[in-house]
Amino acid sequence: MARKSKKQTNGGTPATVALATAGTAYTLHSYEHDPAAPSYGEEAAEALGVDPGRVFKTLVATVDEELTVAVVPVSATLDLKALAAAVGGKRAAMADPAAAERATGYVRGGISPLGQRKRLRTAVDATALDHPTICVSAGRRGLEVELAAADLVALTGAVTAPIARF
């Protein structure tokens, strides 16, 4: 089950609260975030000593003008055409960062696919299912949550599809 931290004991982030409420098994990992790091996801993988293929970043895009969450490995880039196809859309583009922050309730670099202010449709790259567990943001920079990919998919109502480009 989850490791308790002082922050988590005091209510945690919306992501950890959502996991606890659902009764989902997870492990919380924290590290000292470096504001100068060029990539939040790669920084997390390196700081935690985890294969970058198991650490997933949460990106927000617009698909046919609707905000949509894409969860892809930090070692890959998002294939916007594949994302649009995965959610039954035609055209996708990266969302405005301010719109992503408003809709999710999280800051850039700390956007979690869990516990968002407004539940957005979500697509998780199919490679997530290749691993017993994956890491995603727990809702703030320097905090990751490790959980089974199937649990992430179930909790977010996500579709799984090959949406990453390696």
N, C-alpha and C. Protein backbone atom coordinates (compact mmCIF):
# COMPACT_ATOMS: atom_id res chain seq x y z
N MET A 1 0.84 -1.18 0.00
CA MET A 1 0.00 0.00 0.00
C MET A 1 0.88 1.24 0.00
N ALA A 2 0.30 2.36 0.19
CA ALA A 2 1.03 3.62 0.07
C ALA A 2 1.93 3.88 1.26
N ARG A 3 3.06 4.49 0.97
CA ARG A 3 3.90 5.00 2.05
C ARG A 3 3.33 6.33 2.46
N LYS A 4 3.23 6.55 3.73
CA LYS A 4 2.70 7.82 4.22
C LYS A 4 3.83 8.84 4.32
N SER A 5 3.56 9.99 3.81
CA SER A 5 4.48 11.10 4.01
C SER A 5 3.72 12.15 4.80
N LYS A 6 4.43 13.14 5.30
CA LYS A 6 3.75 14.19 6.07
C LYS A 6 2.69 14.85 5.20
N LYS A 7 3.04 15.14 3.95
CA LYS A 7 2.08 15.80 3.05
C LYS A 7 0.86 14.92 2.83
N GLN A 8 1.10 13.63 2.64
CA GLN A 8 -0.01 12.71 2.39
C GLN A 8 -0.91 12.60 3.62
N THR A 9 -0.32 12.56 4.78
CA THR A 9 -1.10 12.47 6.01
C THR A 9 -2.01 13.68 6.15
N ASN A 10 -1.57 14.83 5.66
CA ASN A 10 -2.36 16.05 5.75
C ASN A 10 -3.33 16.20 4.58
N GLY A 11 -3.66 15.13 3.90
CA GLY A 11 -4.61 15.19 2.80
C GLY A 11 -4.00 14.88 1.45
N GLY A 12 -2.69 15.02 1.30
CA GLY A 12 -2.03 14.69 0.04
C GLY A 12 -2.44 15.59 -1.10
N THR A 13 -2.14 15.14 -2.29
CA THR A 13 -2.53 15.85 -3.49
C THR A 13 -3.87 15.28 -3.95
N PRO A 14 -4.56 15.95 -4.85
CA PRO A 14 -5.80 15.36 -5.37
C PRO A 14 -5.58 13.96 -5.98
N ALA A 15 -4.41 13.75 -6.57
CA ALA A 15 -4.11 12.43 -7.15
C ALA A 15 -4.01 11.35 -6.08
N THR A 16 -3.29 11.63 -5.00
CA THR A 16 -3.14 10.61 -3.94
C THR A 16 -4.45 10.42 -3.19
N VAL A 17 -5.23 11.48 -3.05
CA VAL A 17 -6.55 11.36 -2.43
C VAL A 17 -7.44 10.46 -3.29
N ALA A 18 -7.41 10.66 -4.62
CA ALA A 18 -8.21 9.83 -5.53
C ALA A 18 -7.81 8.37 -5.43
N LEU A 19 -6.50 8.11 -5.36
CA LEU A 19 -6.03 6.72 -5.24
C LEU A 19 -6.47 6.10 -3.92
N ALA A 20 -6.33 6.85 -2.83
CA ALA A 20 -6.72 6.33 -1.53
C ALA A 20 -8.22 6.08 -1.46
N THR A 21 -8.99 7.00 -2.00
CA THR A 21 -10.45 6.87 -2.01
C THR A 21 -10.88 5.63 -2.78
N ALA A 22 -10.18 5.36 -3.89
CA ALA A 22 -10.51 4.19 -4.71
C ALA A 22 -9.99 2.89 -4.11
N GLY A 23 -9.11 3.00 -3.10
CA GLY A 23 -8.53 1.80 -2.50
C GLY A 23 -7.49 1.15 -3.39
N THR A 24 -6.87 1.95 -4.25
CA THR A 24 -5.88 1.45 -5.19
C THR A 24 -4.50 1.39 -4.55
N ALA A 25 -3.80 0.28 -4.74
CA ALA A 25 -2.44 0.13 -4.23
C ALA A 25 -1.50 1.02 -5.03
N TYR A 26 -0.62 1.74 -4.33
CA TYR A 26 0.36 2.60 -4.99
C TYR A 26 1.52 2.85 -4.04
N THR A 27 2.62 3.33 -4.63
CA THR A 27 3.78 3.74 -3.85
C THR A 27 4.11 5.16 -4.25
N LEU A 28 4.35 5.98 -3.26
CA LEU A 28 4.69 7.37 -3.49
C LEU A 28 6.20 7.53 -3.47
N HIS A 29 6.74 8.24 -4.47
CA HIS A 29 8.17 8.51 -4.56
C HIS A 29 8.37 10.02 -4.63
N SER A 30 9.26 10.54 -3.81
CA SER A 30 9.55 11.97 -3.91
C SER A 30 11.03 12.17 -4.17
N TYR A 31 11.34 13.30 -4.77
CA TYR A 31 12.73 13.67 -5.05
C TYR A 31 12.80 15.18 -5.07
N GLU A 32 13.99 15.70 -4.95
CA GLU A 32 14.20 17.15 -4.96
C GLU A 32 14.14 17.63 -6.41
N HIS A 33 13.12 18.40 -6.75
CA HIS A 33 12.97 18.92 -8.11
C HIS A 33 13.98 20.03 -8.37
N ASP A 34 14.63 19.96 -9.52
CA ASP A 34 15.58 20.98 -9.93
C ASP A 34 14.89 21.89 -10.95
N PRO A 35 14.62 23.15 -10.61
CA PRO A 35 13.93 24.06 -11.54
C PRO A 35 14.67 24.24 -12.86
N ALA A 36 15.96 23.95 -12.90
CA ALA A 36 16.74 24.11 -14.13
C ALA A 36 16.70 22.86 -15.02
N ALA A 37 16.07 21.80 -14.56
CA ALA A 37 16.01 20.55 -15.35
C ALA A 37 15.27 20.80 -16.66
N PRO A 38 15.85 20.34 -17.79
CA PRO A 38 15.22 20.60 -19.09
C PRO A 38 13.95 19.77 -19.34
N SER A 39 13.81 18.63 -18.66
CA SER A 39 12.66 17.76 -18.86
C SER A 39 12.19 17.23 -17.51
N TYR A 40 10.95 17.53 -17.15
CA TYR A 40 10.41 17.07 -15.87
C TYR A 40 10.42 15.54 -15.79
N GLY A 41 9.99 14.87 -16.85
CA GLY A 41 9.90 13.41 -16.85
C GLY A 41 11.24 12.73 -16.77
N GLU A 42 12.19 13.20 -17.57
CA GLU A 42 13.52 12.60 -17.54
C GLU A 42 14.19 12.86 -16.20
N GLU A 43 13.93 14.03 -15.62
CA GLU A 43 14.46 14.33 -14.29
C GLU A 43 13.91 13.32 -13.29
N ALA A 44 12.62 13.03 -13.36
CA ALA A 44 12.00 12.08 -12.43
C ALA A 44 12.62 10.68 -12.59
N ALA A 45 12.76 10.23 -13.83
CA ALA A 45 13.32 8.90 -14.07
C ALA A 45 14.73 8.80 -13.50
N GLU A 46 15.55 9.82 -13.75
CA GLU A 46 16.92 9.81 -13.26
C GLU A 46 16.97 9.88 -11.74
N ALA A 47 16.19 10.77 -11.16
CA ALA A 47 16.20 10.95 -9.71
C ALA A 47 15.73 9.70 -8.97
N LEU A 48 14.79 8.98 -9.57
CA LEU A 48 14.24 7.78 -8.93
C LEU A 48 14.99 6.51 -9.32
N GLY A 49 15.90 6.62 -10.31
CA GLY A 49 16.63 5.44 -10.76
C GLY A 49 15.73 4.43 -11.45
N VAL A 50 14.74 4.94 -12.17
CA VAL A 50 13.76 4.09 -12.86
C VAL A 50 13.97 4.21 -14.37
N ASP A 51 13.81 3.10 -15.07
CA ASP A 51 13.91 3.08 -16.53
C ASP A 51 12.93 4.11 -17.10
N PRO A 52 13.41 5.02 -17.97
CA PRO A 52 12.52 6.04 -18.54
C PRO A 52 11.32 5.46 -19.30
N GLY A 53 11.39 4.21 -19.69
CA GLY A 53 10.25 3.56 -20.34
C GLY A 53 9.12 3.24 -19.37
N ARG A 54 9.41 3.31 -18.07
CA ARG A 54 8.39 3.05 -17.04
C ARG A 54 7.87 4.32 -16.39
N VAL A 55 8.48 5.45 -16.72
CA VAL A 55 8.02 6.74 -16.19
C VAL A 55 7.24 7.43 -17.31
N PHE A 56 6.00 7.78 -17.01
CA PHE A 56 5.11 8.34 -18.02
C PHE A 56 4.79 9.79 -17.71
N LYS A 57 4.78 10.61 -18.77
CA LYS A 57 4.44 12.02 -18.62
C LYS A 57 2.98 12.22 -19.01
N THR A 58 2.39 13.22 -18.39
CA THR A 58 1.00 13.56 -18.66
C THR A 58 0.98 14.83 -19.49
N LEU A 59 0.46 14.72 -20.69
CA LEU A 59 0.38 15.85 -21.60
C LEU A 59 -1.08 16.18 -21.87
N VAL A 60 -1.38 17.44 -22.09
CA VAL A 60 -2.74 17.84 -22.40
C VAL A 60 -2.75 18.41 -23.81
N ALA A 61 -3.64 17.87 -24.62
CA ALA A 61 -3.80 18.30 -26.00
C ALA A 61 -5.26 18.66 -26.24
N THR A 62 -5.51 19.30 -27.36
CA THR A 62 -6.89 19.49 -27.78
C THR A 62 -7.12 18.56 -28.96
N VAL A 63 -8.20 17.82 -28.89
CA VAL A 63 -8.60 16.97 -30.01
C VAL A 63 -9.97 17.46 -30.43
N ASP A 64 -10.05 17.97 -31.66
CA ASP A 64 -11.28 18.58 -32.16
C ASP A 64 -11.83 19.58 -31.14
N GLU A 65 -10.95 20.44 -30.64
CA GLU A 65 -11.26 21.53 -29.71
C GLU A 65 -11.63 21.07 -28.30
N GLU A 66 -11.48 19.78 -27.97
CA GLU A 66 -11.79 19.28 -26.63
C GLU A 66 -10.49 18.88 -25.94
N LEU A 67 -10.27 19.37 -24.71
CA LEU A 67 -9.07 19.01 -23.98
C LEU A 67 -9.04 17.51 -23.73
N THR A 68 -7.88 16.93 -23.96
CA THR A 68 -7.69 15.48 -23.85
C THR A 68 -6.33 15.22 -23.23
N VAL A 69 -6.27 14.25 -22.33
CA VAL A 69 -5.02 13.90 -21.66
C VAL A 69 -4.36 12.74 -22.41
N ALA A 70 -3.05 12.85 -22.59
CA ALA A 70 -2.27 11.78 -23.19
C ALA A 70 -1.17 11.40 -22.19
N VAL A 71 -1.02 10.11 -21.94
CA VAL A 71 -0.02 9.62 -21.00
C VAL A 71 0.95 8.75 -21.79
N VAL A 72 2.18 9.24 -21.93
CA VAL A 72 3.19 8.55 -22.75
C VAL A 72 4.51 8.45 -22.00
N PRO A 73 5.36 7.48 -22.37
CA PRO A 73 6.67 7.37 -21.70
C PRO A 73 7.49 8.64 -21.88
N VAL A 74 8.29 8.97 -20.85
CA VAL A 74 9.13 10.16 -20.96
C VAL A 74 10.20 9.99 -22.02
N SER A 75 10.46 8.74 -22.40
CA SER A 75 11.48 8.47 -23.42
C SER A 75 10.92 8.61 -24.84
N ALA A 76 9.65 9.02 -24.96
CA ALA A 76 8.99 9.11 -26.27
C ALA A 76 8.36 10.49 -26.42
N THR A 77 7.83 10.73 -27.61
CA THR A 77 7.05 11.94 -27.86
C THR A 77 5.62 11.52 -28.20
N LEU A 78 4.72 12.44 -28.04
CA LEU A 78 3.32 12.18 -28.34
C LEU A 78 3.09 12.28 -29.84
N ASP A 79 2.43 11.27 -30.40
CA ASP A 79 2.02 11.28 -31.81
C ASP A 79 0.61 11.85 -31.83
N LEU A 80 0.48 13.10 -32.22
CA LEU A 80 -0.81 13.78 -32.17
C LEU A 80 -1.86 13.13 -33.08
N LYS A 81 -1.46 12.66 -34.25
CA LYS A 81 -2.42 11.99 -35.14
C LYS A 81 -2.92 10.70 -34.51
N ALA A 82 -2.02 9.97 -33.88
CA ALA A 82 -2.42 8.72 -33.22
C ALA A 82 -3.34 9.01 -32.04
N LEU A 83 -3.08 10.10 -31.31
CA LEU A 83 -3.96 10.47 -30.20
C LEU A 83 -5.36 10.78 -30.72
N ALA A 84 -5.44 11.58 -31.76
CA ALA A 84 -6.75 11.92 -32.33
C ALA A 84 -7.50 10.66 -32.73
N ALA A 85 -6.82 9.75 -33.41
CA ALA A 85 -7.47 8.50 -33.83
C ALA A 85 -7.91 7.66 -32.64
N ALA A 86 -7.09 7.63 -31.59
CA ALA A 86 -7.39 6.81 -30.41
C ALA A 86 -8.67 7.24 -29.71
N VAL A 87 -8.97 8.54 -29.74
CA VAL A 87 -10.17 9.03 -29.05
C VAL A 87 -11.29 9.37 -30.03
N GLY A 88 -11.15 8.92 -31.28
CA GLY A 88 -12.21 9.11 -32.27
C GLY A 88 -12.28 10.51 -32.83
N GLY A 89 -11.17 11.24 -32.80
CA GLY A 89 -11.15 12.60 -33.32
C GLY A 89 -10.43 12.69 -34.65
N LYS A 90 -10.38 13.90 -35.18
CA LYS A 90 -9.73 14.11 -36.47
C LYS A 90 -8.45 14.91 -36.37
N ARG A 91 -8.43 15.95 -35.50
CA ARG A 91 -7.29 16.85 -35.45
C ARG A 91 -6.88 17.08 -34.01
N ALA A 92 -5.56 17.01 -33.78
CA ALA A 92 -5.05 17.24 -32.42
C ALA A 92 -3.90 18.24 -32.46
N ALA A 93 -3.79 18.99 -31.37
CA ALA A 93 -2.69 19.93 -31.18
C ALA A 93 -2.43 20.01 -29.68
N MET A 94 -1.23 20.41 -29.32
CA MET A 94 -0.94 20.58 -27.90
C MET A 94 -1.80 21.72 -27.36
N ALA A 95 -2.30 21.54 -26.14
CA ALA A 95 -3.16 22.55 -25.52
C ALA A 95 -2.33 23.72 -25.01
N ASP A 96 -2.97 24.84 -24.87
CA ASP A 96 -2.35 26.00 -24.24
C ASP A 96 -2.04 25.62 -22.80
N PRO A 97 -0.80 25.83 -22.33
CA PRO A 97 -0.44 25.44 -20.97
C PRO A 97 -1.36 26.02 -19.89
N ALA A 98 -1.78 27.26 -20.05
CA ALA A 98 -2.67 27.87 -19.05
C ALA A 98 -4.03 27.16 -19.03
N ALA A 99 -4.54 26.77 -20.19
CA ALA A 99 -5.81 26.04 -20.26
C ALA A 99 -5.66 24.67 -19.61
N ALA A 100 -4.52 24.03 -19.83
CA ALA A 100 -4.27 22.72 -19.22
C ALA A 100 -4.22 22.83 -17.71
N GLU A 101 -3.56 23.86 -17.21
CA GLU A 101 -3.47 24.06 -15.76
C GLU A 101 -4.85 24.36 -15.15
N ARG A 102 -5.64 25.20 -15.83
CA ARG A 102 -6.98 25.53 -15.32
C ARG A 102 -7.87 24.29 -15.27
N ALA A 103 -7.85 23.49 -16.32
CA ALA A 103 -8.74 22.32 -16.41
C ALA A 103 -8.34 21.22 -15.43
N THR A 104 -7.03 21.04 -15.23
CA THR A 104 -6.58 19.93 -14.38
C THR A 104 -6.43 20.32 -12.92
N GLY A 105 -6.15 21.59 -12.67
CA GLY A 105 -5.90 22.03 -11.30
C GLY A 105 -4.45 21.82 -10.87
N TYR A 106 -3.61 21.43 -11.80
CA TYR A 106 -2.19 21.20 -11.52
C TYR A 106 -1.34 22.16 -12.32
N VAL A 107 -0.09 22.36 -11.86
CA VAL A 107 0.86 23.19 -12.61
C VAL A 107 1.64 22.32 -13.59
N ARG A 108 2.09 22.96 -14.66
CA ARG A 108 2.89 22.26 -15.66
C ARG A 108 4.09 21.60 -15.00
N GLY A 109 4.37 20.37 -15.39
CA GLY A 109 5.45 19.61 -14.77
C GLY A 109 4.97 18.84 -13.56
N GLY A 110 3.73 19.08 -13.15
CA GLY A 110 3.14 18.37 -12.02
C GLY A 110 1.73 17.90 -12.34
N ILE A 111 1.35 17.94 -13.62
CA ILE A 111 0.01 17.50 -14.01
C ILE A 111 -0.07 15.98 -13.88
N SER A 112 -1.03 15.54 -13.12
CA SER A 112 -1.27 14.11 -12.94
C SER A 112 -2.49 13.70 -13.75
N PRO A 113 -2.50 12.47 -14.24
CA PRO A 113 -3.72 11.99 -14.91
C PRO A 113 -4.83 11.68 -13.92
N LEU A 114 -4.51 11.71 -12.63
CA LEU A 114 -5.46 11.36 -11.57
C LEU A 114 -5.88 12.59 -10.78
N GLY A 115 -7.11 12.61 -10.30
CA GLY A 115 -7.56 13.66 -9.40
C GLY A 115 -7.64 15.03 -10.03
N GLN A 116 -7.91 15.09 -11.32
CA GLN A 116 -7.98 16.39 -11.99
C GLN A 116 -9.25 17.14 -11.61
N ARG A 117 -9.17 18.45 -11.66
CA ARG A 117 -10.31 19.31 -11.33
C ARG A 117 -11.51 18.97 -12.22
N LYS A 118 -11.26 18.83 -13.51
CA LYS A 118 -12.28 18.47 -14.48
C LYS A 118 -11.82 17.17 -15.13
N ARG A 119 -12.62 16.13 -15.07
CA ARG A 119 -12.20 14.85 -15.66
C ARG A 119 -12.18 14.98 -17.18
N LEU A 120 -11.00 14.82 -17.73
CA LEU A 120 -10.82 14.92 -19.18
C LEU A 120 -10.70 13.52 -19.78
N ARG A 121 -11.14 13.39 -21.04
CA ARG A 121 -10.94 12.09 -21.68
C ARG A 121 -9.44 11.84 -21.75
N THR A 122 -9.07 10.57 -21.63
CA THR A 122 -7.67 10.20 -21.46
C THR A 122 -7.30 9.03 -22.34
N ALA A 123 -6.09 9.10 -22.87
CA ALA A 123 -5.50 7.98 -23.63
C ALA A 123 -4.14 7.68 -23.02
N VAL A 124 -3.90 6.40 -22.77
CA VAL A 124 -2.62 5.94 -22.22
C VAL A 124 -1.93 5.12 -23.30
N ASP A 125 -0.64 5.41 -23.51
CA ASP A 125 0.10 4.64 -24.50
C ASP A 125 0.09 3.16 -24.13
N ALA A 126 -0.11 2.31 -25.13
CA ALA A 126 -0.25 0.87 -24.93
C ALA A 126 0.98 0.24 -24.29
N THR A 127 2.16 0.86 -24.41
CA THR A 127 3.36 0.27 -23.80
C THR A 127 3.29 0.25 -22.28
N ALA A 128 2.40 1.05 -21.70
CA ALA A 128 2.25 1.06 -20.24
C ALA A 128 1.89 -0.34 -19.74
N LEU A 129 1.12 -1.07 -20.51
CA LEU A 129 0.66 -2.40 -20.10
C LEU A 129 1.77 -3.45 -20.17
N ASP A 130 2.93 -3.08 -20.73
CA ASP A 130 4.07 -4.00 -20.80
C ASP A 130 4.81 -4.11 -19.47
N HIS A 131 4.50 -3.24 -18.52
CA HIS A 131 5.21 -3.17 -17.25
C HIS A 131 4.29 -3.53 -16.09
N PRO A 132 4.85 -4.19 -15.06
CA PRO A 132 4.03 -4.50 -13.89
C PRO A 132 3.51 -3.22 -13.21
N THR A 133 4.37 -2.18 -13.15
CA THR A 133 3.97 -0.89 -12.61
C THR A 133 4.61 0.21 -13.45
N ILE A 134 3.98 1.37 -13.41
CA ILE A 134 4.52 2.56 -14.07
C ILE A 134 4.48 3.71 -13.07
N CYS A 135 5.21 4.77 -13.37
CA CYS A 135 5.21 5.97 -12.53
C CYS A 135 4.60 7.12 -13.32
N VAL A 136 3.73 7.88 -12.65
CA VAL A 136 3.16 9.10 -13.23
C VAL A 136 3.22 10.17 -12.16
N SER A 137 3.04 11.41 -12.56
CA SER A 137 3.07 12.50 -11.59
C SER A 137 1.97 12.30 -10.55
N ALA A 138 2.33 12.60 -9.31
CA ALA A 138 1.36 12.51 -8.22
C ALA A 138 0.71 13.87 -7.95
N GLY A 139 0.96 14.84 -8.82
CA GLY A 139 0.26 16.11 -8.68
C GLY A 139 1.11 17.30 -8.31
N ARG A 140 2.40 17.10 -8.20
CA ARG A 140 3.30 18.25 -8.02
C ARG A 140 4.70 17.84 -8.47
N ARG A 141 5.48 18.83 -8.82
CA ARG A 141 6.85 18.57 -9.26
C ARG A 141 7.62 17.93 -8.11
N GLY A 142 8.35 16.86 -8.42
CA GLY A 142 9.13 16.17 -7.40
C GLY A 142 8.37 15.07 -6.68
N LEU A 143 7.19 14.74 -7.16
CA LEU A 143 6.38 13.69 -6.52
C LEU A 143 5.78 12.79 -7.60
N GLU A 144 6.13 11.51 -7.53
CA GLU A 144 5.63 10.53 -8.49
C GLU A 144 4.87 9.44 -7.76
N VAL A 145 3.89 8.87 -8.41
CA VAL A 145 3.16 7.75 -7.86
C VAL A 145 3.39 6.54 -8.78
N GLU A 146 3.70 5.41 -8.16
CA GLU A 146 3.90 4.16 -8.90
C GLU A 146 2.68 3.28 -8.68
N LEU A 147 2.10 2.81 -9.77
CA LEU A 147 0.91 1.97 -9.69
C LEU A 147 0.82 1.07 -10.90
N ALA A 148 -0.06 0.09 -10.85
CA ALA A 148 -0.28 -0.78 -11.99
C ALA A 148 -0.94 0.02 -13.11
N ALA A 149 -0.46 -0.19 -14.33
CA ALA A 149 -1.01 0.53 -15.48
C ALA A 149 -2.51 0.26 -15.62
N ALA A 150 -2.93 -0.98 -15.37
CA ALA A 150 -4.35 -1.32 -15.47
C ALA A 150 -5.18 -0.50 -14.48
N ASP A 151 -4.62 -0.22 -13.31
CA ASP A 151 -5.33 0.61 -12.33
C ASP A 151 -5.46 2.04 -12.84
N LEU A 152 -4.39 2.57 -13.44
CA LEU A 152 -4.45 3.92 -14.00
C LEU A 152 -5.53 4.00 -15.07
N VAL A 153 -5.55 3.03 -15.95
CA VAL A 153 -6.54 3.00 -17.03
C VAL A 153 -7.95 2.95 -16.45
N ALA A 154 -8.16 2.09 -15.47
CA ALA A 154 -9.48 1.96 -14.87
C ALA A 154 -9.92 3.24 -14.15
N LEU A 155 -9.03 3.85 -13.39
CA LEU A 155 -9.38 5.05 -12.62
C LEU A 155 -9.65 6.26 -13.50
N THR A 156 -9.00 6.34 -14.65
CA THR A 156 -9.17 7.50 -15.52
C THR A 156 -10.19 7.24 -16.64
N GLY A 157 -10.62 5.99 -16.78
CA GLY A 157 -11.52 5.65 -17.88
C GLY A 157 -10.83 5.78 -19.23
N ALA A 158 -9.52 5.58 -19.22
CA ALA A 158 -8.71 5.80 -20.42
C ALA A 158 -8.87 4.71 -21.47
N VAL A 159 -8.57 5.09 -22.70
CA VAL A 159 -8.38 4.11 -23.76
C VAL A 159 -6.88 3.86 -23.83
N THR A 160 -6.48 2.67 -24.23
CA THR A 160 -5.07 2.40 -24.46
C THR A 160 -4.87 2.24 -25.96
N ALA A 161 -3.81 2.84 -26.44
CA ALA A 161 -3.52 2.82 -27.88
C ALA A 161 -2.06 3.21 -28.07
N PRO A 162 -1.48 2.86 -29.21
CA PRO A 162 -0.10 3.28 -29.49
C PRO A 162 -0.07 4.76 -29.89
N ILE A 163 0.07 5.62 -28.89
CA ILE A 163 0.05 7.07 -29.13
C ILE A 163 1.43 7.72 -28.98
N ALA A 164 2.45 6.90 -28.67
CA ALA A 164 3.80 7.43 -28.49
C ALA A 164 4.64 7.15 -29.72
N ARG A 165 5.57 8.05 -29.96
CA ARG A 165 6.53 7.87 -31.05
C ARG A 165 7.91 7.77 -30.42
N PHE A 166 8.62 6.67 -30.70
CA PHE A 166 9.94 6.43 -30.09
C PHE A 166 11.05 6.77 -31.04
